[in-house]
Each structure stands twice: as C-alpha cells, then as structure tokens.
C-alpha cells in the first residue's frame, strides 16, 4: 500500500488516542475513513475533526459498536462497508489495560481484557475476513503492545491478551498471503493517550516506579505512534515497533532474552524495595 489517497479505511478504536491520531492523519492523506468505538459523542467529534482536515468529497463516518458483542460487530462492519463502498484497510486499535499482581487482579478484569483486547480484534477480523478474501487485496493491521512479546510484574492479564494478538496475527498472515492481503502486527510502546491517563490513576506504585526509573520506558505522543503505524502499513512490514528504544528491546528479546530478564528483574528489586 504505497499511499492512502482514495483508500477506504475502517478504524476500530478510533474515538481517541492512537486511533484518533491515525484517523486524522489518514484524513490529511486523502483517505475515506470510518471510525468505530462504543460512545457516539467522541466518534462524532473525530468525524468533525476529519472533515476539518480533509478535503470536500472525502467520506468520513462512524459506527457505534462494542467489539465484545458479535451481533454489534456484524452490524457495525456491514455499516462501515456500506458507508465506505468497500474497504482497503482495517485497523484494529481497540484495547485497554488493568494492572495489578496476579493475587490482586480480579478474574473479571482478566476476562474483560481478553474480551476487549484479543477477542475484539478476532471478532472484527473474522467478520470482515470474507470481504478481504473475495476482494483479493487490502491490508489488516492489528495492535499489540511491547508487552505482547515480553512482560513484567503486574501485567499478567494485559500481556496475555496482547501476546494472543501476536499469535493470531502470525496465523492470519499466512492465510491472507494466499489472498494477496497484507497483515501487520504493531507492538505499541507507552503512549500518551486518555486511556494511558486512566490507567495511571490507580497503577500499583511498584509498576509506576519501574516505568519512571527506566531509561528504556519512554512515553510517546500518540501522533508519533500513529505516524509509525501508518509507515509500517505502507511498507507492508509484518512486525512493527516504534522508536530506537523499542527496536533495541525487541532485538534483545530475540537474541538475548536472559539478559533482558536480568535487567528487568533488577529494576523490579529496586522498585519493590520497602514496598512488599
């Protein structure tokens, strides 16, 4: 996908944060965009922003749906296809985090993260699979996390849901290879978004200490993450990270996982001193 001019794009999780930044960038790039999330007010606001940054004649719209409700997903995907008159790019961005050590993390929280973060991607992708299969072109982009190939104290539920996306993407990549449809998985870093702010409101002090005292734990602006996301889609690259720090960690986990674990174990001991 060399450029986005005239492309028809559906962004699930497009009402705020990274999804919103992707939508606005695509509007400036000349794409037709439909955004989806649960709440209508933020969605209508994003549509107005896209209209202000796009050009006359571009199609902008929204779908209100809960990605964990398969009936709503079917209706929402049908609506997106109708509004766009087809679909070239599907961006699955929806997700959120709840953090706590396993003995403090409720079963319900783990269930919710798996339903939203993992099955939300599966529900949308499976529903739109027949469209891409029949069309024989396009691209499906899935959002994982840096904690989708490594993990740390307090992130067990979130990491499990993000690791699952990586496994799903690996299989989907091969299935779509036979259909000439691209697939990419994007390991997002910590990103300054409303969701990140909500996550930090009750984050465990050990996790906060590990994040703030770590030179490799950089928080990126959502616009920069969106730009790197779209660059990865353009290149057709399957695995994507943001920034030199993320690339270094990814490389180290591939080749020197014991060293990475020793480093983060040291960070944990320092952060937990006097707190456990």
C-alpha atoms as a PDB file:
ATOM      1  CA  UNK A   1       0.000   0.000   0.000  1.00  0.00           C
ATOM      2  CA  UNK A   2       2.178   2.832  -1.307  1.00  0.00           C
ATOM      3  CA  UNK A   3      -0.125   5.673  -0.227  1.00  0.00           C
ATOM      4  CA  UNK A   4      -3.545   6.249   1.289  1.00  0.00           C
ATOM      5  CA  UNK A   5      -5.054   8.618  -1.265  1.00  0.00           C
ATOM      6  CA  UNK A   6      -8.544   7.360  -2.070  1.00  0.00           C
ATOM      7  CA  UNK A   7      -8.187   4.281   0.167  1.00  0.00           C
ATOM      8  CA  UNK A   8     -11.185   3.109   2.190  1.00  0.00           C
ATOM      9  CA  UNK A   9     -10.257   2.651   5.848  1.00  0.00           C
ATOM     10  CA  UNK A  10     -12.094   1.300   8.896  1.00  0.00           C
ATOM     11  CA  UNK A  11     -10.510   2.118  12.285  1.00  0.00           C
ATOM     12  CA  UNK A  12     -11.871   0.142  15.238  1.00  0.00           C
ATOM     13  CA  UNK A  13     -10.940   2.015  18.394  1.00  0.00           C
ATOM     14  CA  UNK A  14     -10.841   5.333  16.558  1.00  0.00           C
ATOM     15  CA  UNK A  15     -12.552   7.660  19.035  1.00  0.00           C
ATOM     16  CA  UNK A  16      -9.462   8.735  21.000  1.00  0.00           C
ATOM     17  CA  UNK A  17      -5.749   8.207  21.484  1.00  0.00           C
ATOM     18  CA  UNK A  18      -3.761   6.412  18.793  1.00  0.00           C
ATOM     19  CA  UNK A  19      -6.862   5.512  16.778  1.00  0.00           C
ATOM     20  CA  UNK A  20      -7.941   9.144  16.605  1.00  0.00           C
ATOM     21  CA  UNK A  21      -4.431  10.220  15.560  1.00  0.00           C
ATOM     22  CA  UNK A  22      -4.439   7.585  12.800  1.00  0.00           C
ATOM     23  CA  UNK A  23      -7.843   8.795  11.591  1.00  0.00           C
ATOM     24  CA  UNK A  24      -6.739  12.421  11.382  1.00  0.00           C
ATOM     25  CA  UNK A  25      -3.519  11.510   9.576  1.00  0.00           C
ATOM     26  CA  UNK A  26      -5.461   9.433   7.042  1.00  0.00           C
ATOM     27  CA  UNK A  27      -7.920  12.297   6.517  1.00  0.00           C
ATOM     28  CA  UNK A  28      -4.983  14.561   5.650  1.00  0.00           C
ATOM     29  CA  UNK A  29      -3.636  11.851   3.339  1.00  0.00           C
ATOM     30  CA  UNK A  30      -6.845  11.752   1.297  1.00  0.00           C
ATOM     31  CA  UNK A  31      -8.415   8.520   2.589  1.00  0.00           C
ATOM     32  CA  UNK A  32     -12.075   7.758   3.211  1.00  0.00           C
ATOM     33  CA  UNK A  33     -12.371   6.857   6.900  1.00  0.00           C
ATOM     34  CA  UNK A  34     -14.996   5.319   9.165  1.00  0.00           C
ATOM     35  CA  UNK A  35     -14.154   5.139  12.890  1.00  0.00           C
ATOM     36  CA  UNK A  36     -15.721   2.800  15.433  1.00  0.00           C
ATOM     37  CA  UNK A  37     -15.973   2.701  19.228  1.00  0.00           C
ATOM     38  CA  UNK A  38     -18.726   2.404  21.837  1.00  0.00           C
ATOM     39  CA  UNK A  39     -19.522   6.046  22.608  1.00  0.00           C
ATOM     40  CA  UNK A  40     -21.099   8.238  19.940  1.00  0.00           C
ATOM     41  CA  UNK A  41     -20.077  11.668  21.266  1.00  0.00           C
ATOM     42  CA  UNK A  42     -16.300  11.138  20.860  1.00  0.00           C
ATOM     43  CA  UNK A  43     -16.907   9.496  17.474  1.00  0.00           C
ATOM     44  CA  UNK A  44     -18.893  12.423  16.125  1.00  0.00           C
ATOM     45  CA  UNK A  45     -16.152  14.759  17.386  1.00  0.00           C
ATOM     46  CA  UNK A  46     -13.487  12.791  15.467  1.00  0.00           C
ATOM     47  CA  UNK A  47     -15.609  12.867  12.314  1.00  0.00           C
ATOM     48  CA  UNK A  48     -15.855  16.650  12.581  1.00  0.00           C
ATOM     49  CA  UNK A  49     -12.098  16.890  13.068  1.00  0.00           C
ATOM     50  CA  UNK A  50     -11.513  14.733   9.994  1.00  0.00           C
ATOM     51  CA  UNK A  51     -13.817  16.924   7.933  1.00  0.00           C
ATOM     52  CA  UNK A  52     -11.819  19.938   9.043  1.00  0.00           C
ATOM     53  CA  UNK A  53      -8.537  18.358   7.950  1.00  0.00           C
ATOM     54  CA  UNK A  54      -9.662  16.554   4.817  1.00  0.00           C
ATOM     55  CA  UNK A  55     -10.994  17.884   1.544  1.00  0.00           C
ATOM     56  CA  UNK A  56     -14.515  18.129   0.087  1.00  0.00           C
ATOM     57  CA  UNK A  57     -15.621  14.831  -1.371  1.00  0.00           C
ATOM     58  CA  UNK A  58     -13.863  12.603   1.153  1.00  0.00           C
ATOM     59  CA  UNK A  59     -16.108  10.167   3.010  1.00  0.00           C
ATOM     60  CA  UNK A  60     -16.000  10.308   6.809  1.00  0.00           C
ATOM     61  CA  UNK A  61     -18.314   8.423   9.127  1.00  0.00           C
ATOM     62  CA  UNK A  62     -18.618   6.434  12.334  1.00  0.00           C
ATOM     63  CA  UNK A  63     -20.068   3.247  13.752  1.00  0.00           C
ATOM     64  CA  UNK A  64     -21.044   2.817  17.396  1.00  0.00           C
ATOM     65  CA  UNK A  65     -20.361  -0.758  18.483  1.00  0.00           C
ATOM     66  CA  UNK A  66     -18.987  -2.873  21.312  1.00  0.00           C
ATOM     67  CA  UNK A  67     -16.218  -5.129  19.960  1.00  0.00           C
ATOM     68  CA  UNK A  68     -17.112  -7.829  22.508  1.00  0.00           C
ATOM     69  CA  UNK A  69     -20.685  -8.110  21.157  1.00  0.00           C
ATOM     70  CA  UNK A  70     -20.557 -10.130  17.936  1.00  0.00           C
ATOM     71  CA  UNK A  71     -24.013  -9.061  16.782  1.00  0.00           C
ATOM     72  CA  UNK A  72     -22.991  -5.406  17.133  1.00  0.00           C
ATOM     73  CA  UNK A  73     -19.707  -6.148  15.344  1.00  0.00           C
ATOM     74  CA  UNK A  74     -21.547  -7.714  12.403  1.00  0.00           C
ATOM     75  CA  UNK A  75     -23.894  -4.742  12.131  1.00  0.00           C
ATOM     76  CA  UNK A  76     -21.031  -2.277  12.528  1.00  0.00           C
ATOM     77  CA  UNK A  77     -18.861  -3.931   9.878  1.00  0.00           C
ATOM     78  CA  UNK A  78     -21.809  -4.035   7.464  1.00  0.00           C
ATOM     79  CA  UNK A  79     -22.393  -0.328   8.082  1.00  0.00           C
ATOM     80  CA  UNK A  80     -18.717   0.515   7.567  1.00  0.00           C
ATOM     81  CA  UNK A  81     -18.626  -1.379   4.259  1.00  0.00           C
ATOM     82  CA  UNK A  82     -21.774   0.432   3.136  1.00  0.00           C
ATOM     83  CA  UNK A  83     -20.531   3.882   4.159  1.00  0.00           C
ATOM     84  CA  UNK A  84     -17.141   3.364   2.529  1.00  0.00           C
ATOM     85  CA  UNK A  85     -18.370   1.458  -0.514  1.00  0.00           C
ATOM     86  CA  UNK A  86     -15.797  -1.264   0.242  1.00  0.00           C
ATOM     87  CA  UNK A  87     -12.689  -1.495   2.404  1.00  0.00           C
ATOM     88  CA  UNK A  88      -8.948  -1.438   1.693  1.00  0.00           C
ATOM     89  CA  UNK A  89      -7.515  -1.147   5.186  1.00  0.00           C
ATOM     90  CA  UNK A  90      -8.776  -2.465   8.519  1.00  0.00           C
ATOM     91  CA  UNK A  91      -7.077  -1.040  11.631  1.00  0.00           C
ATOM     92  CA  UNK A  92      -7.869  -2.839  14.899  1.00  0.00           C
ATOM     93  CA  UNK A  93      -6.682  -0.454  17.623  1.00  0.00           C
ATOM     94  CA  UNK A  94      -9.151  -1.065  20.475  1.00  0.00           C
ATOM     95  CA  UNK A  95      -7.738  -2.098  23.835  1.00  0.00           C
ATOM     96  CA  UNK A  96      -7.088  -1.058  27.435  1.00  0.00           C
ATOM     97  CA  UNK A  97      -5.076  -2.127  30.489  1.00  0.00           C
ATOM     98  CA  UNK A  98      -5.729  -3.018  34.111  1.00  0.00           C
ATOM     99  CA  UNK A  99      -2.600  -3.660  36.163  1.00  0.00           C
ATOM    100  CA  UNK A 100      -2.014  -5.494  39.439  1.00  0.00           C
ATOM    101  CA  UNK A 101      -0.092  -8.511  40.710  1.00  0.00           C
ATOM    102  CA  UNK A 102      -1.993 -11.703  39.954  1.00  0.00           C
ATOM    103  CA  UNK A 103      -3.235 -12.246  43.515  1.00  0.00           C
ATOM    104  CA  UNK A 104      -4.851  -8.790  43.443  1.00  0.00           C
ATOM    105  CA  UNK A 105      -6.155  -8.901  39.863  1.00  0.00           C
ATOM    106  CA  UNK A 106      -9.794  -9.973  39.726  1.00  0.00           C
ATOM    107  CA  UNK A 107     -10.826 -12.775  37.384  1.00  0.00           C
ATOM    108  CA  UNK A 108     -13.356 -10.369  35.895  1.00  0.00           C
ATOM    109  CA  UNK A 109     -10.594  -7.918  34.956  1.00  0.00           C
ATOM    110  CA  UNK A 110      -8.643 -10.650  33.160  1.00  0.00           C
ATOM    111  CA  UNK A 111     -11.785 -11.741  31.334  1.00  0.00           C
ATOM    112  CA  UNK A 112     -12.565  -8.166  30.254  1.00  0.00           C
ATOM    113  CA  UNK A 113      -9.068  -7.549  28.900  1.00  0.00           C
ATOM    114  CA  UNK A 114      -9.123 -10.786  26.933  1.00  0.00           C
ATOM    115  CA  UNK A 115     -12.578  -9.997  25.550  1.00  0.00           C
ATOM    116  CA  UNK A 116     -11.725  -6.409  24.537  1.00  0.00           C
ATOM    117  CA  UNK A 117      -8.051  -6.632  23.619  1.00  0.00           C
ATOM    118  CA  UNK A 118      -7.911 -10.059  21.981  1.00  0.00           C
ATOM    119  CA  UNK A 119     -11.408 -11.174  21.034  1.00  0.00           C
ATOM    120  CA  UNK A 120     -12.239  -7.613  19.968  1.00  0.00           C
ATOM    121  CA  UNK A 121      -9.587  -7.997  17.242  1.00  0.00           C
ATOM    122  CA  UNK A 122     -10.751 -11.519  16.409  1.00  0.00           C
ATOM    123  CA  UNK A 123     -14.435 -10.591  16.203  1.00  0.00           C
ATOM    124  CA  UNK A 124     -13.851  -7.719  13.770  1.00  0.00           C
ATOM    125  CA  UNK A 125     -11.255  -9.531  11.653  1.00  0.00           C
ATOM    126  CA  UNK A 126     -13.286 -12.729  11.345  1.00  0.00           C
ATOM    127  CA  UNK A 127     -16.399 -10.753  10.407  1.00  0.00           C
ATOM    128  CA  UNK A 128     -14.531  -8.910   7.630  1.00  0.00           C
ATOM    129  CA  UNK A 129     -12.485 -11.939   6.517  1.00  0.00           C
ATOM    130  CA  UNK A 130     -14.962 -12.858   3.711  1.00  0.00           C
ATOM    131  CA  UNK A 131     -14.743  -9.322   2.304  1.00  0.00           C
ATOM    132  CA  UNK A 132     -10.941  -9.361   2.061  1.00  0.00           C
ATOM    133  CA  UNK A 133     -10.926 -12.961   0.823  1.00  0.00           C
ATOM    134  CA  UNK A 134     -13.317 -12.133  -2.005  1.00  0.00           C
ATOM    135  CA  UNK A 135     -11.619  -8.833  -2.839  1.00  0.00           C
ATOM    136  CA  UNK A 136      -8.135 -10.376  -3.016  1.00  0.00           C
ATOM    137  CA  UNK A 137      -6.397  -7.195  -1.886  1.00  0.00           C
ATOM    138  CA  UNK A 138      -6.088  -4.857   1.078  1.00  0.00           C
ATOM    139  CA  UNK A 139      -4.408  -4.853   4.472  1.00  0.00           C
ATOM    140  CA  UNK A 140      -5.319  -5.812   8.047  1.00  0.00           C
ATOM    141  CA  UNK A 141      -3.353  -4.070  10.825  1.00  0.00           C
ATOM    142  CA  UNK A 142      -3.566  -5.358  14.406  1.00  0.00           C
ATOM    143  CA  UNK A 143      -2.426  -3.508  17.525  1.00  0.00           C
ATOM    144  CA  UNK A 144      -0.444  -5.429  20.129  1.00  0.00           C
ATOM    145  CA  UNK A 145       2.000  -3.915  22.623  1.00  0.00           C
ATOM    146  CA  UNK A 146       5.625  -4.072  23.680  1.00  0.00           C
ATOM    147  CA  UNK A 147       4.136  -6.190  26.476  1.00  0.00           C
ATOM    148  CA  UNK A 148       2.868  -8.518  23.756  1.00  0.00           C
ATOM    149  CA  UNK A 149       6.306 -10.123  23.340  1.00  0.00           C
ATOM    150  CA  UNK A 150       7.730  -9.575  26.846  1.00  0.00           C
ATOM    151  CA  UNK A 151       6.203  -8.872  30.232  1.00  0.00           C
ATOM    152  CA  UNK A 152       6.806  -7.555  33.708  1.00  0.00           C
ATOM    153  CA  UNK A 153       5.450  -7.569  37.246  1.00  0.00           C
ATOM    154  CA  UNK A 154       1.766  -6.615  37.435  1.00  0.00           C
ATOM    155  CA  UNK A 155       0.991  -7.017  33.724  1.00  0.00           C
ATOM    156  CA  UNK A 156      -0.059 -10.683  33.566  1.00  0.00           C
ATOM    157  CA  UNK A 157      -3.639 -10.139  32.391  1.00  0.00           C
ATOM    158  CA  UNK A 158      -2.814  -7.397  29.898  1.00  0.00           C
ATOM    159  CA  UNK A 159       0.235  -9.172  28.472  1.00  0.00           C
ATOM    160  CA  UNK A 160      -1.708 -12.398  27.951  1.00  0.00           C
ATOM    161  CA  UNK A 161      -4.272 -10.556  25.842  1.00  0.00           C
ATOM    162  CA  UNK A 162      -1.562  -8.838  23.779  1.00  0.00           C
ATOM    163  CA  UNK A 163       0.562 -11.986  23.306  1.00  0.00           C
ATOM    164  CA  UNK A 164      -2.614 -13.623  21.945  1.00  0.00           C
ATOM    165  CA  UNK A 165      -2.903 -10.953  19.239  1.00  0.00           C
ATOM    166  CA  UNK A 166       0.639 -11.757  18.080  1.00  0.00           C
ATOM    167  CA  UNK A 167      -0.184 -15.462  17.760  1.00  0.00           C
ATOM    168  CA  UNK A 168      -3.418 -14.665  15.926  1.00  0.00           C
ATOM    169  CA  UNK A 169      -1.566 -12.334  13.546  1.00  0.00           C
ATOM    170  CA  UNK A 170       1.063 -14.965  12.741  1.00  0.00           C
ATOM    171  CA  UNK A 171      -1.568 -17.408  11.507  1.00  0.00           C
ATOM    172  CA  UNK A 172      -3.630 -14.713   9.783  1.00  0.00           C
ATOM    173  CA  UNK A 173      -0.553 -13.522   7.890  1.00  0.00           C
ATOM    174  CA  UNK A 174      -0.182 -16.919   6.215  1.00  0.00           C
ATOM    175  CA  UNK A 175      -3.881 -17.309   5.492  1.00  0.00           C
ATOM    176  CA  UNK A 176      -4.044 -13.895   3.861  1.00  0.00           C
ATOM    177  CA  UNK A 177      -0.795 -14.474   1.971  1.00  0.00           C
ATOM    178  CA  UNK A 178      -2.755 -16.766  -0.331  1.00  0.00           C
ATOM    179  CA  UNK A 179      -5.321 -13.987  -0.872  1.00  0.00           C
ATOM    180  CA  UNK A 180      -2.828 -11.169  -1.589  1.00  0.00           C
ATOM    181  CA  UNK A 181      -3.985  -9.367   1.562  1.00  0.00           C
ATOM    182  CA  UNK A 182      -1.310  -7.833   3.803  1.00  0.00           C
ATOM    183  CA  UNK A 183      -1.261  -8.338   7.571  1.00  0.00           C
ATOM    184  CA  UNK A 184       0.777  -6.433  10.144  1.00  0.00           C
ATOM    185  CA  UNK A 185       1.112  -6.510  13.921  1.00  0.00           C
ATOM    186  CA  UNK A 186       2.169  -3.344  15.746  1.00  0.00           C
ATOM    187  CA  UNK A 187       3.851  -3.527  19.156  1.00  0.00           C
ATOM    188  CA  UNK A 188       2.889  -0.148  20.591  1.00  0.00           C
ATOM    189  CA  UNK A 189       5.042   1.489  23.309  1.00  0.00           C
ATOM    190  CA  UNK A 190       3.723   3.501  26.250  1.00  0.00           C
ATOM    191  CA  UNK A 191       1.746   6.267  24.566  1.00  0.00           C
ATOM    192  CA  UNK A 192       0.277   9.494  25.938  1.00  0.00           C
ATOM    193  CA  UNK A 193      -3.466   8.962  25.493  1.00  0.00           C
ATOM    194  CA  UNK A 194      -6.614   9.406  27.603  1.00  0.00           C
ATOM    195  CA  UNK A 195      -6.563   5.647  28.189  1.00  0.00           C
ATOM    196  CA  UNK A 196      -2.985   5.853  29.480  1.00  0.00           C
ATOM    197  CA  UNK A 197      -4.014   8.628  31.888  1.00  0.00           C
ATOM    198  CA  UNK A 198      -6.908   6.493  33.179  1.00  0.00           C
ATOM    199  CA  UNK A 199      -4.583   3.512  33.549  1.00  0.00           C
ATOM    200  CA  UNK A 200      -2.174   5.580  35.669  1.00  0.00           C
ATOM    201  CA  UNK A 201      -4.860   6.738  38.093  1.00  0.00           C
ATOM    202  CA  UNK A 202      -4.665   3.541  40.175  1.00  0.00           C
ATOM    203  CA  UNK A 203      -1.487   1.913  38.891  1.00  0.00           C
ATOM    204  CA  UNK A 204       0.455  -0.003  41.545  1.00  0.00           C
ATOM    205  CA  UNK A 205       3.405   2.034  42.939  1.00  0.00           C
ATOM    206  CA  UNK A 206       5.868  -0.726  42.012  1.00  0.00           C
ATOM    207  CA  UNK A 207       4.790  -0.548  38.368  1.00  0.00           C
ATOM    208  CA  UNK A 208       4.974   3.242  38.403  1.00  0.00           C
ATOM    209  CA  UNK A 209       8.468   3.089  39.897  1.00  0.00           C
ATOM    210  CA  UNK A 210       9.658   0.575  37.295  1.00  0.00           C
ATOM    211  CA  UNK A 211       8.312   2.732  34.481  1.00  0.00           C
ATOM    212  CA  UNK A 212       9.520   6.121  35.656  1.00  0.00           C
ATOM    213  CA  UNK A 213      13.021   4.982  36.674  1.00  0.00           C
ATOM    214  CA  UNK A 214      13.709   3.061  33.458  1.00  0.00           C
ATOM    215  CA  UNK A 215      15.651   4.812  30.685  1.00  0.00           C
ATOM    216  CA  UNK A 216      14.061   2.478  28.128  1.00  0.00           C
ATOM    217  CA  UNK A 217      10.490   3.225  29.212  1.00  0.00           C
ATOM    218  CA  UNK A 218       9.784   6.232  27.024  1.00  0.00           C
ATOM    219  CA  UNK A 219       6.236   7.538  26.615  1.00  0.00           C
ATOM    220  CA  UNK A 220       5.487   8.579  23.036  1.00  0.00           C
ATOM    221  CA  UNK A 221       2.961  11.148  21.721  1.00  0.00           C
ATOM    222  CA  UNK A 222       0.018   9.455  20.006  1.00  0.00           C
ATOM    223  CA  UNK A 223       0.687  11.333  16.740  1.00  0.00           C
ATOM    224  CA  UNK A 224       4.192   9.862  16.520  1.00  0.00           C
ATOM    225  CA  UNK A 225       2.915   6.341  17.171  1.00  0.00           C
ATOM    226  CA  UNK A 226       0.194   6.830  14.547  1.00  0.00           C
ATOM    227  CA  UNK A 227       2.761   8.034  12.019  1.00  0.00           C
ATOM    228  CA  UNK A 228       4.957   4.975  12.618  1.00  0.00           C
ATOM    229  CA  UNK A 229       1.910   2.701  12.442  1.00  0.00           C
ATOM    230  CA  UNK A 230       0.948   4.035   9.014  1.00  0.00           C
ATOM    231  CA  UNK A 231       4.545   3.884   7.828  1.00  0.00           C
ATOM    232  CA  UNK A 232       4.610   0.174   8.698  1.00  0.00           C
ATOM    233  CA  UNK A 233       1.387  -0.399   6.762  1.00  0.00           C
ATOM    234  CA  UNK A 234       2.821   1.407   3.725  1.00  0.00           C
ATOM    235  CA  UNK A 235       5.956  -0.731   3.807  1.00  0.00           C
ATOM    236  CA  UNK A 236       3.937  -3.908   4.194  1.00  0.00           C
ATOM    237  CA  UNK A 237       6.118  -4.902   7.143  1.00  0.00           C
ATOM    238  CA  UNK A 238       4.652  -7.657   9.324  1.00  0.00           C
ATOM    239  CA  UNK A 239       6.237  -6.856  12.732  1.00  0.00           C
ATOM    240  CA  UNK A 240       6.472  -3.182  13.712  1.00  0.00           C
ATOM    241  CA  UNK A 241       7.806  -1.238  16.708  1.00  0.00           C
ATOM    242  CA  UNK A 242       8.128   2.484  17.412  1.00  0.00           C
ATOM    243  CA  UNK A 243      11.470   4.166  18.090  1.00  0.00           C
ATOM    244  CA  UNK A 244      15.070   3.027  18.572  1.00  0.00           C
ATOM    245  CA  UNK A 245      14.428   2.040  22.191  1.00  0.00           C
ATOM    246  CA  UNK A 246      11.627  -0.344  21.235  1.00  0.00           C
ATOM    247  CA  UNK A 247      13.715  -1.752  18.376  1.00  0.00           C
ATOM    248  CA  UNK A 248      16.610  -2.363  20.768  1.00  0.00           C
ATOM    249  CA  UNK A 249      14.386  -4.153  23.278  1.00  0.00           C
ATOM    250  CA  UNK A 250      12.789  -6.250  20.509  1.00  0.00           C
ATOM    251  CA  UNK A 251      16.206  -7.267  19.189  1.00  0.00           C
ATOM    252  CA  UNK A 252      17.473  -8.070  22.683  1.00  0.00           C
ATOM    253  CA  UNK A 253      14.426 -10.222  23.450  1.00  0.00           C
ATOM    254  CA  UNK A 254      15.001 -12.133  20.211  1.00  0.00           C
ATOM    255  CA  UNK A 255      18.700 -12.773  20.789  1.00  0.00           C
ATOM    256  CA  UNK A 256      19.481 -12.168  24.472  1.00  0.00           C
ATOM    257  CA  UNK A 257      16.271 -12.811  26.438  1.00  0.00           C
ATOM    258  CA  UNK A 258      18.152 -13.868  29.592  1.00  0.00           C
ATOM    259  CA  UNK A 259      19.972 -10.530  29.660  1.00  0.00           C
ATOM    260  CA  UNK A 260      16.706  -8.585  29.286  1.00  0.00           C
ATOM    261  CA  UNK A 261      15.133 -10.598  32.103  1.00  0.00           C
ATOM    262  CA  UNK A 262      18.128  -9.968  34.349  1.00  0.00           C
ATOM    263  CA  UNK A 263      17.797  -6.234  33.703  1.00  0.00           C
ATOM    264  CA  UNK A 264      14.073  -6.042  34.400  1.00  0.00           C
ATOM    265  CA  UNK A 265      14.498  -8.287  37.464  1.00  0.00           C
ATOM    266  CA  UNK A 266      17.000  -5.740  38.758  1.00  0.00           C
ATOM    267  CA  UNK A 267      14.525  -2.941  38.045  1.00  0.00           C
ATOM    268  CA  UNK A 268      11.865  -4.864  39.964  1.00  0.00           C
ATOM    269  CA  UNK A 269      14.034  -5.436  43.030  1.00  0.00           C
ATOM    270  CA  UNK A 270      14.911  -1.749  43.140  1.00  0.00           C
ATOM    271  CA  UNK A 271      11.285  -0.655  42.675  1.00  0.00           C
ATOM    272  CA  UNK A 272       9.905  -3.149  45.218  1.00  0.00           C
ATOM    273  CA  UNK A 273      12.368  -2.294  47.992  1.00  0.00           C
ATOM    274  CA  UNK A 274      10.350  -1.416  51.057  1.00  0.00           C
ATOM    275  CA  UNK A 275       7.003  -1.874  49.222  1.00  0.00           C
ATOM    276  CA  UNK A 276       6.476  -5.618  49.673  1.00  0.00           C
END
